[in-house]
């Protein structure tokens, strides 16, 4: 049974109005309706749709129930042995695969992920990943840039609150089909292999996080360059009509090319800096942690890796990428590193 059928059954069986609204919102989105259509039909917010869609995808349709907390389960000795044997037989899997197996086979849901990790350990499957560090990073410059950004946001607060200025954190992601090759739990004595026809197939995405509403806006392009950067800025203007755009991004060459500077002159004309329709501020060099969009790209790629079994073509990879990213409301600690912005009037 696919997830849409599960949602239909859930809707037919529950009598709780809130549960029905949650399930309907998810079902409509998965069936192809736009966020705007669902918001108008169900009278719900964008964040409501985003929250319950993600929860249904990652935790299952049952998680849409009111007061859902799962069940603190336990395994009998023979069930534990069968589970370990099952783990050993899998070529590769995700934490969610083990969670689903235990719930479907034995109706067991652990309260802590540590219980699942213990099973992985007993089955002799492991997870490893290295960390990276850029030696060119200047910590003092990073601190100074953070203060500069905070000062700019404080200065613009009246305009942001009035709804005349939008702050956007912007970045590009160059997605390769090979990005599907992440880490998964697997037997220590066997290789993990995922069939890819051409792992170098690529798609570039421009993404902008509205720092006030936390909505993420995505548009795909063939590559990152001055022409596409200008096109994306114009796309953002259409998304936020009548507002000044204050953009924060990295020091990519096409962010400061002659073509792009000429474009800004045309847009801002002879206006004073405070009245510019588009202003651009760079993050500190070699400090990707200053841009929360970097974390969003990572979340999206992680999402795709969890659905590797569906990705029989790069077309599906691209569809999943944009489905999870575009129009989503993201809420995690790094987004608030420069403080919370006021809501517009």
Protein backbone atom coordinates (compact mmCIF):
# COMPACT_ATOMS: atom_id res chain seq x y z
CA UNK A 1 0.00 0.00 0.00
CA UNK A 2 1.47 3.40 -0.96
CA UNK A 3 1.34 6.44 1.29
CA UNK A 4 -1.60 8.07 -0.52
CA UNK A 5 -3.69 4.93 0.02
CA UNK A 6 -2.61 4.88 3.68
CA UNK A 7 -3.72 8.51 4.02
CA UNK A 8 -7.09 7.71 2.41
CA UNK A 9 -7.65 4.85 4.87
CA UNK A 10 -6.56 7.05 7.76
CA UNK A 11 -9.07 9.74 6.76
CA UNK A 12 -11.89 7.19 6.44
CA UNK A 13 -11.19 5.63 9.82
CA UNK A 14 -10.60 8.65 12.06
CA UNK A 15 -13.35 10.82 13.52
CA UNK A 16 -11.02 13.54 14.79
CA UNK A 17 -11.37 16.77 12.80
CA UNK A 18 -7.75 17.81 13.42
CA UNK A 19 -6.44 14.43 12.26
CA UNK A 20 -8.54 14.61 9.09
CA UNK A 21 -7.24 18.10 8.30
CA UNK A 22 -3.63 16.98 8.77
CA UNK A 23 -4.08 13.94 6.55
CA UNK A 24 -5.98 15.86 3.87
CA UNK A 25 -3.24 18.50 3.70
CA UNK A 26 -0.56 15.85 3.19
CA UNK A 27 -2.65 13.87 0.70
CA UNK A 28 -3.42 16.94 -1.43
CA UNK A 29 0.25 17.97 -1.58
CA UNK A 30 1.37 14.46 -2.53
CA UNK A 31 -1.30 14.35 -5.23
CA UNK A 32 0.15 17.49 -6.82
CA UNK A 33 -1.89 20.40 -5.48
CA UNK A 34 0.06 23.58 -4.76
CA UNK A 35 0.59 24.97 -1.28
CA UNK A 36 -1.62 27.93 -2.19
CA UNK A 37 -4.49 25.66 -3.23
CA UNK A 38 -4.27 23.57 -0.06
CA UNK A 39 -4.06 26.66 2.14
CA UNK A 40 -7.20 28.11 0.56
CA UNK A 41 -9.16 24.85 0.61
CA UNK A 42 -8.36 23.82 4.19
CA UNK A 43 -7.79 27.29 5.69
CA UNK A 44 -4.39 26.29 7.08
CA UNK A 45 -0.94 27.89 7.08
CA UNK A 46 2.06 27.08 4.94
CA UNK A 47 3.98 25.85 7.99
CA UNK A 48 1.08 23.55 8.96
CA UNK A 49 1.26 21.79 5.58
CA UNK A 50 5.05 21.58 5.65
CA UNK A 51 5.16 20.18 9.20
CA UNK A 52 2.63 17.38 8.70
CA UNK A 53 3.90 16.43 5.24
CA UNK A 54 7.40 15.92 6.57
CA UNK A 55 6.15 14.05 9.63
CA UNK A 56 4.04 11.67 7.54
CA UNK A 57 6.96 10.98 5.19
CA UNK A 58 9.54 10.38 7.90
CA UNK A 59 7.48 8.91 10.75
CA UNK A 60 4.56 7.32 8.94
CA UNK A 61 0.88 8.16 8.56
CA UNK A 62 0.12 7.04 12.13
CA UNK A 63 2.19 9.98 13.39
CA UNK A 64 -0.64 12.30 12.25
CA UNK A 65 -2.72 11.11 15.22
CA UNK A 66 -3.33 13.47 18.12
CA UNK A 67 -0.97 12.91 21.04
CA UNK A 68 1.04 10.42 18.96
CA UNK A 69 4.19 9.38 20.78
CA UNK A 70 4.70 5.86 19.50
CA UNK A 71 4.82 2.99 21.95
CA UNK A 72 7.63 2.17 24.30
CA UNK A 73 8.24 -1.34 23.08
CA UNK A 74 10.44 -4.25 23.86
CA UNK A 75 11.57 -7.35 21.99
CA UNK A 76 11.37 -10.90 23.21
CA UNK A 77 14.63 -12.81 22.94
CA UNK A 78 13.55 -14.74 19.84
CA UNK A 79 12.28 -11.54 18.20
CA UNK A 80 15.60 -9.86 18.89
CA UNK A 81 17.48 -12.77 17.31
CA UNK A 82 15.24 -12.64 14.24
CA UNK A 83 15.77 -8.87 13.97
CA UNK A 84 19.55 -9.20 14.14
CA UNK A 85 19.41 -11.91 11.48
CA UNK A 86 17.26 -9.63 9.31
CA UNK A 87 19.75 -6.78 9.73
CA UNK A 88 22.60 -9.04 8.68
CA UNK A 89 20.71 -10.02 5.53
CA UNK A 90 20.22 -6.44 4.30
CA UNK A 91 22.70 -5.01 1.80
CA UNK A 92 22.17 -1.50 3.21
CA UNK A 93 19.43 0.30 5.11
CA UNK A 94 18.42 3.38 7.07
CA UNK A 95 17.40 3.88 10.67
CA UNK A 96 13.83 4.32 9.43
CA UNK A 97 14.00 0.87 7.75
CA UNK A 98 14.70 -0.76 11.11
CA UNK A 99 11.99 1.32 12.80
CA UNK A 100 9.45 0.28 10.18
CA UNK A 101 10.48 -3.39 10.38
CA UNK A 102 10.04 -3.55 14.17
CA UNK A 103 6.72 -1.75 14.10
CA UNK A 104 5.27 -3.90 11.30
CA UNK A 105 6.67 -7.24 12.51
CA UNK A 106 6.35 -6.91 16.29
CA UNK A 107 4.43 -3.66 16.90
CA UNK A 108 7.46 -2.31 18.74
CA UNK A 109 8.43 1.37 18.81
CA UNK A 110 11.38 2.33 21.00
CA UNK A 111 11.27 5.62 22.88
CA UNK A 112 14.98 6.23 22.31
CA UNK A 113 17.03 5.84 19.13
CA UNK A 114 19.77 4.33 21.29
CA UNK A 115 17.78 1.10 21.42
CA UNK A 116 17.91 0.90 17.61
CA UNK A 117 21.63 1.71 17.59
CA UNK A 118 22.22 -1.12 20.05
CA UNK A 119 20.62 -3.53 17.61
CA UNK A 120 22.83 -2.22 14.80
CA UNK A 121 25.87 -2.80 16.99
CA UNK A 122 24.87 -6.35 17.89
CA UNK A 123 24.30 -7.08 14.19
CA UNK A 124 27.81 -5.72 13.47
CA UNK A 125 26.71 -2.97 11.11
CA UNK A 126 28.35 0.44 11.38
CA UNK A 127 28.15 4.11 10.37
CA UNK A 128 31.18 6.32 9.81
CA UNK A 129 31.77 9.76 8.38
CA UNK A 130 34.79 12.10 8.38
CA UNK A 131 34.69 15.80 9.22
CA UNK A 132 36.24 18.62 7.20
CA UNK A 133 37.86 21.93 8.16
CA UNK A 134 39.00 24.80 5.96
CA UNK A 135 42.48 26.00 7.09
CA UNK A 136 41.95 29.37 5.33
CA UNK A 137 39.11 30.32 7.66
CA UNK A 138 39.71 33.51 9.69
CA UNK A 139 37.80 33.27 12.98
CA UNK A 140 38.19 36.95 13.81
CA UNK A 141 36.80 37.94 10.42
CA UNK A 142 33.88 35.56 10.94
CA UNK A 143 33.05 37.18 14.27
CA UNK A 144 33.29 40.67 12.75
CA UNK A 145 31.03 39.72 9.86
CA UNK A 146 28.44 38.28 12.25
CA UNK A 147 28.33 41.57 14.14
CA UNK A 148 27.99 43.46 10.85
CA UNK A 149 25.04 41.31 9.79
CA UNK A 150 23.35 41.71 13.18
CA UNK A 151 23.83 45.50 12.96
CA UNK A 152 22.29 45.63 9.48
CA UNK A 153 19.27 43.59 10.58
CA UNK A 154 18.78 45.86 13.60
CA UNK A 155 18.97 48.93 11.36
CA UNK A 156 16.39 47.49 8.96
CA UNK A 157 14.04 46.28 11.68
CA UNK A 158 11.43 49.08 11.20
CA UNK A 159 11.21 48.36 7.46
CA UNK A 160 11.08 44.61 8.02
CA UNK A 161 8.31 45.02 10.58
CA UNK A 162 6.41 47.31 8.22
CA UNK A 163 6.69 44.73 5.45
CA UNK A 164 8.66 46.95 3.05
CA UNK A 165 11.95 45.00 3.22
CA UNK A 166 12.67 41.26 2.88
CA UNK A 167 15.91 39.68 4.09
CA UNK A 168 17.07 36.68 2.06
CA UNK A 169 19.93 34.24 2.68
CA UNK A 170 20.92 32.92 -0.74
CA UNK A 171 23.10 30.06 -1.99
CA UNK A 172 23.51 27.69 -4.93
CA UNK A 173 23.57 23.90 -4.86
CA UNK A 174 25.12 21.88 -7.67
CA UNK A 175 23.42 18.51 -7.32
CA UNK A 176 25.08 15.42 -8.78
CA UNK A 177 23.36 12.07 -9.14
CA UNK A 178 26.38 10.77 -7.22
CA UNK A 179 25.19 12.82 -4.22
CA UNK A 180 22.73 9.99 -3.68
CA UNK A 181 25.71 7.99 -2.42
CA UNK A 182 25.61 8.86 1.24
CA UNK A 183 26.11 6.77 4.34
CA UNK A 184 23.82 3.91 5.38
CA UNK A 185 23.89 1.15 7.91
CA UNK A 186 25.32 -2.00 6.37
CA UNK A 187 27.15 -5.18 7.21
CA UNK A 188 30.80 -4.59 8.05
CA UNK A 189 31.87 -7.52 5.86
CA UNK A 190 30.03 -6.42 2.70
CA UNK A 191 30.14 -3.43 0.33
CA UNK A 192 27.12 -1.17 -0.11
CA UNK A 193 26.34 -0.60 -3.78
CA UNK A 194 23.66 1.62 -5.34
CA UNK A 195 23.16 1.38 -9.14
CA UNK A 196 23.77 4.71 -10.94
CA UNK A 197 23.88 5.12 -14.71
CA UNK A 198 25.85 8.36 -14.68
CA UNK A 199 26.75 9.79 -11.29
CA UNK A 200 28.08 13.01 -12.89
CA UNK A 201 24.66 14.11 -14.19
CA UNK A 202 24.06 17.44 -12.52
CA UNK A 203 21.46 20.10 -11.82
CA UNK A 204 22.06 23.53 -10.31
CA UNK A 205 19.57 25.03 -7.86
CA UNK A 206 19.42 28.58 -6.56
CA UNK A 207 17.82 28.79 -3.13
CA UNK A 208 16.81 31.75 -0.95
CA UNK A 209 15.68 31.57 2.67
CA UNK A 210 13.29 34.32 3.74
CA UNK A 211 14.85 35.10 7.10
CA UNK A 212 11.58 36.39 8.50
CA UNK A 213 9.03 33.80 7.37
CA UNK A 214 11.56 30.91 7.09
CA UNK A 215 10.12 29.97 3.68
CA UNK A 216 12.66 28.50 1.26
CA UNK A 217 12.40 29.51 -2.40
CA UNK A 218 14.05 27.32 -5.06
CA UNK A 219 14.55 27.59 -8.82
CA UNK A 220 16.55 25.23 -11.03
CA UNK A 221 19.13 26.27 -13.64
CA UNK A 222 21.69 24.59 -15.89
CA UNK A 223 24.58 26.24 -14.05
CA UNK A 224 25.59 29.02 -11.70
CA UNK A 225 26.56 32.20 -13.56
CA UNK A 226 25.82 35.92 -13.77
CA UNK A 227 22.89 35.53 -16.16
CA UNK A 228 21.15 32.94 -13.99
CA UNK A 229 21.91 34.90 -10.84
CA UNK A 230 20.15 37.93 -12.32
CA UNK A 231 17.23 35.76 -13.41
CA UNK A 232 16.87 34.35 -9.89
CA UNK A 233 16.96 37.83 -8.32
CA UNK A 234 14.17 38.88 -10.69
CA UNK A 235 12.27 35.72 -9.71
CA UNK A 236 12.60 36.73 -6.05
CA UNK A 237 11.30 40.21 -6.87
CA UNK A 238 8.20 38.62 -8.37
CA UNK A 239 7.84 36.46 -5.25
CA UNK A 240 8.13 39.53 -3.01
CA UNK A 241 6.56 42.29 -5.12
CA UNK A 242 7.06 45.88 -4.00
CA UNK A 243 9.67 45.02 -1.37
CA UNK A 244 13.31 45.95 -1.05
CA UNK A 245 15.47 42.81 -1.14
CA UNK A 246 18.43 42.55 1.23
CA UNK A 247 20.52 39.58 0.13
CA UNK A 248 23.24 37.79 2.08
CA UNK A 249 25.42 35.29 0.22
CA UNK A 250 28.95 34.01 -0.33
CA UNK A 251 31.72 35.41 -2.52
CA UNK A 252 31.09 33.38 -5.69
CA UNK A 253 32.63 35.17 -8.68
CA UNK A 254 29.30 35.63 -10.45
CA UNK A 255 27.91 37.36 -7.34
CA UNK A 256 30.34 40.20 -8.01
CA UNK A 257 30.82 40.06 -11.76
CA UNK A 258 30.77 43.14 -13.97
CA UNK A 259 27.49 41.98 -15.50
CA UNK A 260 25.83 41.65 -12.10
CA UNK A 261 27.19 45.00 -10.85
CA UNK A 262 25.80 46.68 -13.97
CA UNK A 263 22.45 45.03 -13.28
CA UNK A 264 22.41 46.42 -9.72
CA UNK A 265 23.20 49.91 -11.03
CA UNK A 266 20.25 49.67 -13.39
CA UNK A 267 17.92 48.53 -10.60
CA UNK A 268 19.09 50.95 -7.91
CA UNK A 269 19.83 53.85 -10.28
CA UNK A 270 20.71 57.02 -8.36
CA UNK A 271 18.99 56.02 -5.10
CA UNK A 272 20.82 56.39 -1.80
CA UNK A 273 22.09 53.14 -0.29
CA UNK A 274 19.29 53.09 2.29
CA UNK A 275 16.72 53.19 -0.52
CA UNK A 276 18.31 50.59 -2.81
CA UNK A 277 15.77 48.11 -4.13
CA UNK A 278 18.40 45.37 -3.97
CA UNK A 279 21.37 45.31 -1.60
CA UNK A 280 23.91 42.49 -1.35
CA UNK A 281 26.14 41.60 1.60
CA UNK A 282 28.77 38.86 1.58
CA UNK A 283 29.33 36.39 4.39
CA UNK A 284 32.88 35.94 5.66
CA UNK A 285 35.06 33.92 3.26
CA UNK A 286 35.54 30.21 3.96
CA UNK A 287 32.75 30.27 6.56
CA UNK A 288 29.78 28.33 5.13
CA UNK A 289 28.37 27.97 8.66
CA UNK A 290 27.33 31.64 8.47
CA UNK A 291 24.75 30.80 5.81
CA UNK A 292 21.85 28.65 7.08
CA UNK A 293 21.04 27.68 3.48
CA UNK A 294 24.08 25.37 3.59
CA UNK A 295 22.26 23.34 6.25
CA UNK A 296 19.09 23.28 4.18
CA UNK A 297 20.93 21.79 1.20
CA UNK A 298 22.33 19.14 3.54
CA UNK A 299 18.86 18.32 4.87
CA UNK A 300 17.51 17.98 1.34
CA UNK A 301 20.34 15.69 0.24
CA UNK A 302 19.84 13.60 3.37
CA UNK A 303 16.15 13.33 2.50
CA UNK A 304 17.01 12.07 -1.00
CA UNK A 305 19.44 9.48 0.38
CA UNK A 306 16.66 8.13 2.57
CA UNK A 307 14.64 7.51 -0.57
CA UNK A 308 17.46 6.03 -2.66
CA UNK A 309 15.25 3.02 -3.45
CA UNK A 310 12.93 5.29 -5.48
CA UNK A 311 15.69 6.97 -7.49
CA UNK A 312 15.88 4.85 -10.63
CA UNK A 313 16.63 7.95 -12.72
CA UNK A 314 18.15 11.39 -12.20
CA UNK A 315 14.77 12.86 -13.19
CA UNK A 316 13.31 11.34 -10.02
CA UNK A 317 16.26 12.60 -7.95
CA UNK A 318 15.60 16.15 -9.19
CA UNK A 319 11.86 15.86 -8.54
CA UNK A 320 12.45 14.68 -4.97
CA UNK A 321 14.99 17.45 -4.39
CA UNK A 322 12.65 20.25 -5.38
CA UNK A 323 9.63 18.58 -3.76
CA UNK A 324 11.33 18.61 -0.37
CA UNK A 325 13.01 22.03 -0.68
CA UNK A 326 10.79 24.48 -2.56
CA UNK A 327 8.19 26.27 -0.46
CA UNK A 328 9.17 24.49 2.74
CA UNK A 329 9.27 26.22 6.11
CA UNK A 330 12.57 25.41 7.82
CA UNK A 331 13.10 25.82 11.54
CA UNK A 332 16.41 24.85 13.15
CA UNK A 333 18.82 26.66 15.54
CA UNK A 334 21.28 28.04 12.97
CA UNK A 335 18.49 30.03 11.31
CA UNK A 336 18.29 32.18 14.44
CA UNK A 337 22.02 32.87 14.81
CA UNK A 338 21.47 36.54 13.89
CA UNK A 339 18.34 36.89 16.05
CA UNK A 340 14.65 36.59 15.32
CA UNK A 341 13.06 39.11 12.99
CA UNK A 342 9.72 40.78 13.76
CA UNK A 343 6.61 39.72 11.88
CA UNK A 344 5.36 42.17 9.27
CA UNK A 345 2.20 44.14 9.82
